[in-house]
Amino acid sequence: MRLPKRLKKAASLIGNINSGADIACDHAYLSQYLLKTNQAKYMIATDLAEAPLLIARKNLANYRDRSDIRLGYGLDPIQDNEVDTIFVCGLGAKTIVQILAEGMSRFANTTFVLQVNGDPSPLRQFLLDQPIVKEEMVYERNRYYQIIVVKEGYQLGKEKWSEATLRIGTLYETILGREYLNKRLADINKALNYIDTEDEQSEKLRKEQQHLNCLKKHL
């Protein structure tokens, strides 16, 4: 299977890996790619369900001496500081936050590559006190995906982001980020036409609209 663009971009944001973990790996396509290209020497692919791991085992069959398949939730299957890079890709922000909150502290010198589906605001809120290496955005199949890389020794999230930029971070400065900003504003305007002005969701959307319009003025 051809690796999705969002996963290929996630892999491109880091260098070579001695040992990595592919959390919630599904069919382990990312692990397979990293091993096949020799970007990773060793990969651990994990998932909460046994069914996708059956396919993951087949996909990694040619790399049995360089990979391991483990059943379990989030970071639980990975031992403290066992790997130098952890990928958490293809999940919603709240799920990623839950995974990180329950185990991120066990990996002091590990690089985290986080590819979020949907609104990334809860993830950036969680990462305000974490060191942020870089951010990227990918457009694939009519959807925008954001990727955030976390590693010790870099500027903290709260030094890079404000309340107004939790949805888009510093990506509003990029061409793709500007496209996303304009689309999000159009979606908000459309939604506000169908929501009562006194509704709590309406207030939330208007606040976001104000923040994004302020960002747009600085472009």
Protein backbone atom coordinates (compact mmCIF):
# COMPACT_ATOMS: atom_id res chain seq x y z
CA MET A 1 0.00 0.00 0.00
CA ARG A 2 1.17 3.51 -0.79
CA LEU A 3 2.02 5.40 2.39
CA PRO A 4 -0.43 8.28 3.03
CA LYS A 5 1.05 11.71 2.46
CA ARG A 6 0.49 12.72 6.08
CA LEU A 7 2.55 9.76 7.36
CA LYS A 8 5.29 10.33 4.82
CA LYS A 9 5.53 13.94 5.94
CA ALA A 10 5.70 12.83 9.59
CA ALA A 11 8.61 10.54 8.74
CA SER A 12 10.39 13.31 6.85
CA LEU A 13 10.44 15.62 9.86
CA ILE A 14 13.11 13.62 11.66
CA GLY A 15 16.41 12.03 10.72
CA ASN A 16 17.50 8.43 11.07
CA ILE A 17 16.12 6.43 13.99
CA ASN A 18 17.91 3.84 16.07
CA SER A 19 14.70 2.63 17.69
CA GLY A 20 11.17 3.91 17.23
CA ALA A 21 7.61 3.19 18.28
CA ASP A 22 4.54 3.43 16.07
CA ILE A 23 1.64 3.92 18.51
CA ALA A 24 -1.87 2.94 17.37
CA CYS A 25 -0.13 1.65 14.27
CA ASP A 26 -3.20 0.09 12.62
CA HIS A 27 -1.53 -2.03 9.89
CA ALA A 28 2.00 -0.69 10.61
CA TYR A 29 2.44 1.01 7.25
CA LEU A 30 4.56 3.74 8.81
CA SER A 31 6.82 1.20 10.51
CA GLN A 32 7.11 -0.75 7.27
CA TYR A 33 8.12 2.41 5.38
CA LEU A 34 10.72 3.44 7.96
CA LEU A 35 12.29 -0.03 7.94
CA LYS A 36 12.14 -0.45 4.17
CA THR A 37 13.90 2.88 3.59
CA ASN A 38 16.38 2.13 6.39
CA GLN A 39 15.43 5.36 8.10
CA ALA A 40 14.82 3.24 11.21
CA LYS A 41 17.01 0.42 12.45
CA TYR A 42 14.29 -1.00 14.69
CA MET A 43 10.58 -0.33 15.11
CA ILE A 44 7.96 -1.36 17.67
CA ALA A 45 4.42 -1.29 16.29
CA THR A 46 1.57 -1.22 18.83
CA ASP A 47 -2.19 -1.17 18.72
CA LEU A 48 -5.07 -1.59 21.13
CA ALA A 49 -6.79 -4.22 18.97
CA GLU A 50 -5.49 -7.62 17.91
CA ALA A 51 -7.15 -7.60 14.45
CA PRO A 52 -5.04 -4.81 12.89
CA LEU A 53 -1.90 -6.32 14.43
CA LEU A 54 -2.52 -9.52 12.49
CA ILE A 55 -2.11 -7.52 9.28
CA ALA A 56 0.77 -5.55 10.83
CA ARG A 57 2.65 -8.82 11.39
CA LYS A 58 2.27 -9.68 7.71
CA ASN A 59 3.42 -6.23 6.64
CA LEU A 60 6.53 -6.47 8.84
CA ALA A 61 7.26 -10.11 8.02
CA ASN A 62 10.38 -9.17 6.06
CA TYR A 63 11.72 -7.25 9.05
CA ARG A 64 11.19 -9.73 11.89
CA ASP A 65 14.72 -9.21 13.19
CA ARG A 66 14.25 -5.43 13.18
CA SER A 67 10.72 -5.08 14.55
CA ASP A 68 8.35 -6.10 17.30
CA ILE A 69 4.53 -6.17 17.44
CA ARG A 70 2.90 -5.39 20.78
CA LEU A 71 -0.71 -5.29 21.92
CA GLY A 72 -1.70 -2.50 24.29
CA TYR A 73 -3.06 1.00 24.78
CA GLY A 74 -1.05 4.12 24.09
CA LEU A 75 2.45 4.13 25.51
CA ASP A 76 1.80 1.22 27.89
CA PRO A 77 3.53 -1.42 25.71
CA ILE A 78 6.74 0.65 25.57
CA GLN A 79 9.26 0.51 28.42
CA ASP A 80 10.71 3.67 29.94
CA ASN A 81 13.12 5.36 27.49
CA GLU A 82 13.09 2.22 25.32
CA VAL A 83 13.00 4.15 22.03
CA ASP A 84 14.42 7.42 20.77
CA THR A 85 11.39 8.36 18.64
CA ILE A 86 7.66 7.85 19.17
CA PHE A 87 5.06 8.39 16.44
CA VAL A 88 1.44 8.98 17.42
CA CYS A 89 -0.38 9.53 14.14
CA GLY A 90 -3.90 9.48 12.81
CA LEU A 91 -5.75 10.12 16.07
CA GLY A 92 -7.89 12.97 17.37
CA ALA A 93 -6.32 15.60 19.59
CA LYS A 94 -8.11 14.52 22.77
CA THR A 95 -7.03 10.91 22.32
CA ILE A 96 -3.41 11.95 21.74
CA VAL A 97 -3.55 14.15 24.84
CA GLN A 98 -4.83 11.22 26.91
CA ILE A 99 -2.02 9.00 25.64
CA LEU A 100 0.65 11.61 26.36
CA ALA A 101 -0.75 12.54 29.78
CA GLU A 102 -0.63 8.92 30.89
CA GLY A 103 2.93 8.17 29.83
CA MET A 104 4.93 10.97 28.20
CA SER A 105 6.95 11.65 31.35
CA ARG A 106 8.57 8.20 31.07
CA PHE A 107 10.47 9.27 27.95
CA ALA A 108 12.82 12.07 28.94
CA ASN A 109 14.98 12.25 25.80
CA THR A 110 12.53 10.90 23.26
CA THR A 111 11.31 12.74 20.17
CA PHE A 112 7.53 12.69 19.76
CA VAL A 113 6.02 13.06 16.28
CA LEU A 114 2.31 13.84 16.62
CA GLN A 115 0.00 13.87 13.60
CA VAL A 116 -3.46 14.95 14.65
CA ASN A 117 -6.79 14.44 12.89
CA GLY A 118 -9.31 17.26 13.18
CA ASP A 119 -9.03 20.27 15.47
CA PRO A 120 -5.54 20.31 17.06
CA SER A 121 -6.41 22.94 19.70
CA PRO A 122 -6.66 20.51 22.67
CA LEU A 123 -3.27 19.07 21.75
CA ARG A 124 -1.57 22.46 21.53
CA GLN A 125 -3.18 23.42 24.84
CA PHE A 126 -1.60 20.34 26.40
CA LEU A 127 1.77 21.07 24.76
CA LEU A 128 2.08 24.65 26.01
CA ASP A 129 4.67 23.51 28.57
CA GLN A 130 6.44 21.13 26.19
CA PRO A 131 9.39 21.91 23.89
CA ILE A 132 8.30 22.24 20.27
CA VAL A 133 10.78 21.47 17.49
CA LYS A 134 8.63 22.22 14.45
CA GLU A 135 5.14 22.19 12.96
CA GLU A 136 4.00 21.15 9.51
CA MET A 137 0.72 20.89 7.63
CA VAL A 138 -0.35 18.45 4.92
CA TYR A 139 -3.33 18.60 2.58
CA GLU A 140 -4.58 15.18 1.55
CA ARG A 141 -7.95 13.96 0.27
CA ASN A 142 -9.66 17.28 0.95
CA ARG A 143 -8.44 17.40 4.54
CA TYR A 144 -5.79 19.40 6.37
CA TYR A 145 -3.53 17.52 8.78
CA GLN A 146 -1.18 19.13 11.28
CA ILE A 147 1.99 17.55 12.61
CA ILE A 148 3.87 18.69 15.71
CA VAL A 149 7.32 17.46 16.76
CA VAL A 150 8.25 17.58 20.45
CA LYS A 151 11.76 17.17 21.88
CA GLU A 152 13.76 18.47 24.85
CA GLY A 153 15.94 21.50 24.27
CA TYR A 154 13.59 23.62 22.17
CA GLN A 155 11.29 26.60 22.72
CA LEU A 156 8.19 25.82 24.77
CA GLY A 157 4.77 25.82 23.20
CA LYS A 158 3.62 28.75 25.33
CA GLU A 159 6.48 30.81 23.91
CA LYS A 160 5.33 30.08 20.35
CA TRP A 161 1.54 30.01 20.61
CA SER A 162 -1.22 32.12 22.12
CA GLU A 163 -4.90 31.45 22.70
CA ALA A 164 -5.52 32.89 19.26
CA THR A 165 -3.21 30.41 17.53
CA LEU A 166 -4.03 27.11 19.24
CA ARG A 167 -5.89 25.88 16.17
CA ILE A 168 -3.16 26.73 13.68
CA GLY A 169 0.02 27.47 15.67
CA THR A 170 2.71 29.19 13.62
CA LEU A 171 1.43 27.52 10.44
CA TYR A 172 -0.67 30.56 9.49
CA GLU A 173 2.60 31.99 8.18
CA THR A 174 2.81 29.25 5.50
CA ILE A 175 0.97 29.10 2.18
CA LEU A 176 -0.92 25.96 3.16
CA GLY A 177 -1.66 27.43 6.57
CA ARG A 178 -3.23 30.48 4.96
CA GLU A 179 -5.43 28.23 2.84
CA TYR A 180 -6.52 26.39 5.98
CA LEU A 181 -7.19 29.67 7.81
CA ASN A 182 -9.41 30.93 4.98
CA LYS A 183 -11.29 27.63 4.79
CA ARG A 184 -11.82 27.58 8.54
CA LEU A 185 -13.20 31.12 8.49
CA ALA A 186 -15.56 30.17 5.65
CA ASP A 187 -16.74 27.12 7.62
CA ILE A 188 -17.35 29.27 10.70
CA ASN A 189 -19.32 31.86 8.72
CA LYS A 190 -21.47 29.11 7.23
CA ALA A 191 -22.07 27.47 10.62
CA LEU A 192 -23.06 30.76 12.25
CA ASN A 193 -25.90 31.13 9.76
CA TYR A 194 -27.56 28.05 11.25
CA ILE A 195 -26.85 28.56 14.96
CA ASP A 196 -28.83 30.68 17.39
CA THR A 197 -26.82 33.74 18.43
CA GLU A 198 -27.46 32.92 22.09
CA ASP A 199 -26.16 29.38 21.70
CA GLU A 200 -22.94 28.49 23.57
CA GLN A 201 -21.45 27.04 20.37
CA SER A 202 -22.17 30.32 18.59
CA GLU A 203 -20.18 32.25 21.18
CA LYS A 204 -17.29 29.82 20.86
CA LEU A 205 -17.26 30.09 17.08
CA ARG A 206 -17.42 33.90 17.13
CA LYS A 207 -14.45 34.00 19.48
CA GLU A 208 -12.47 31.75 17.17
CA GLN A 209 -13.57 33.83 14.20
CA GLN A 210 -12.23 36.95 15.90
CA HIS A 211 -8.89 35.28 16.64
CA LEU A 212 -8.45 34.01 13.09
CA ASN A 213 -9.38 37.36 11.55
CA CYS A 214 -6.71 39.00 13.71
CA LEU A 215 -4.15 36.52 12.40
CA LYS A 216 -5.27 37.20 8.84
CA LYS A 217 -4.65 40.92 9.27
CA HIS A 218 -1.00 40.20 10.09
CA LEU A 219 -0.35 38.21 6.91
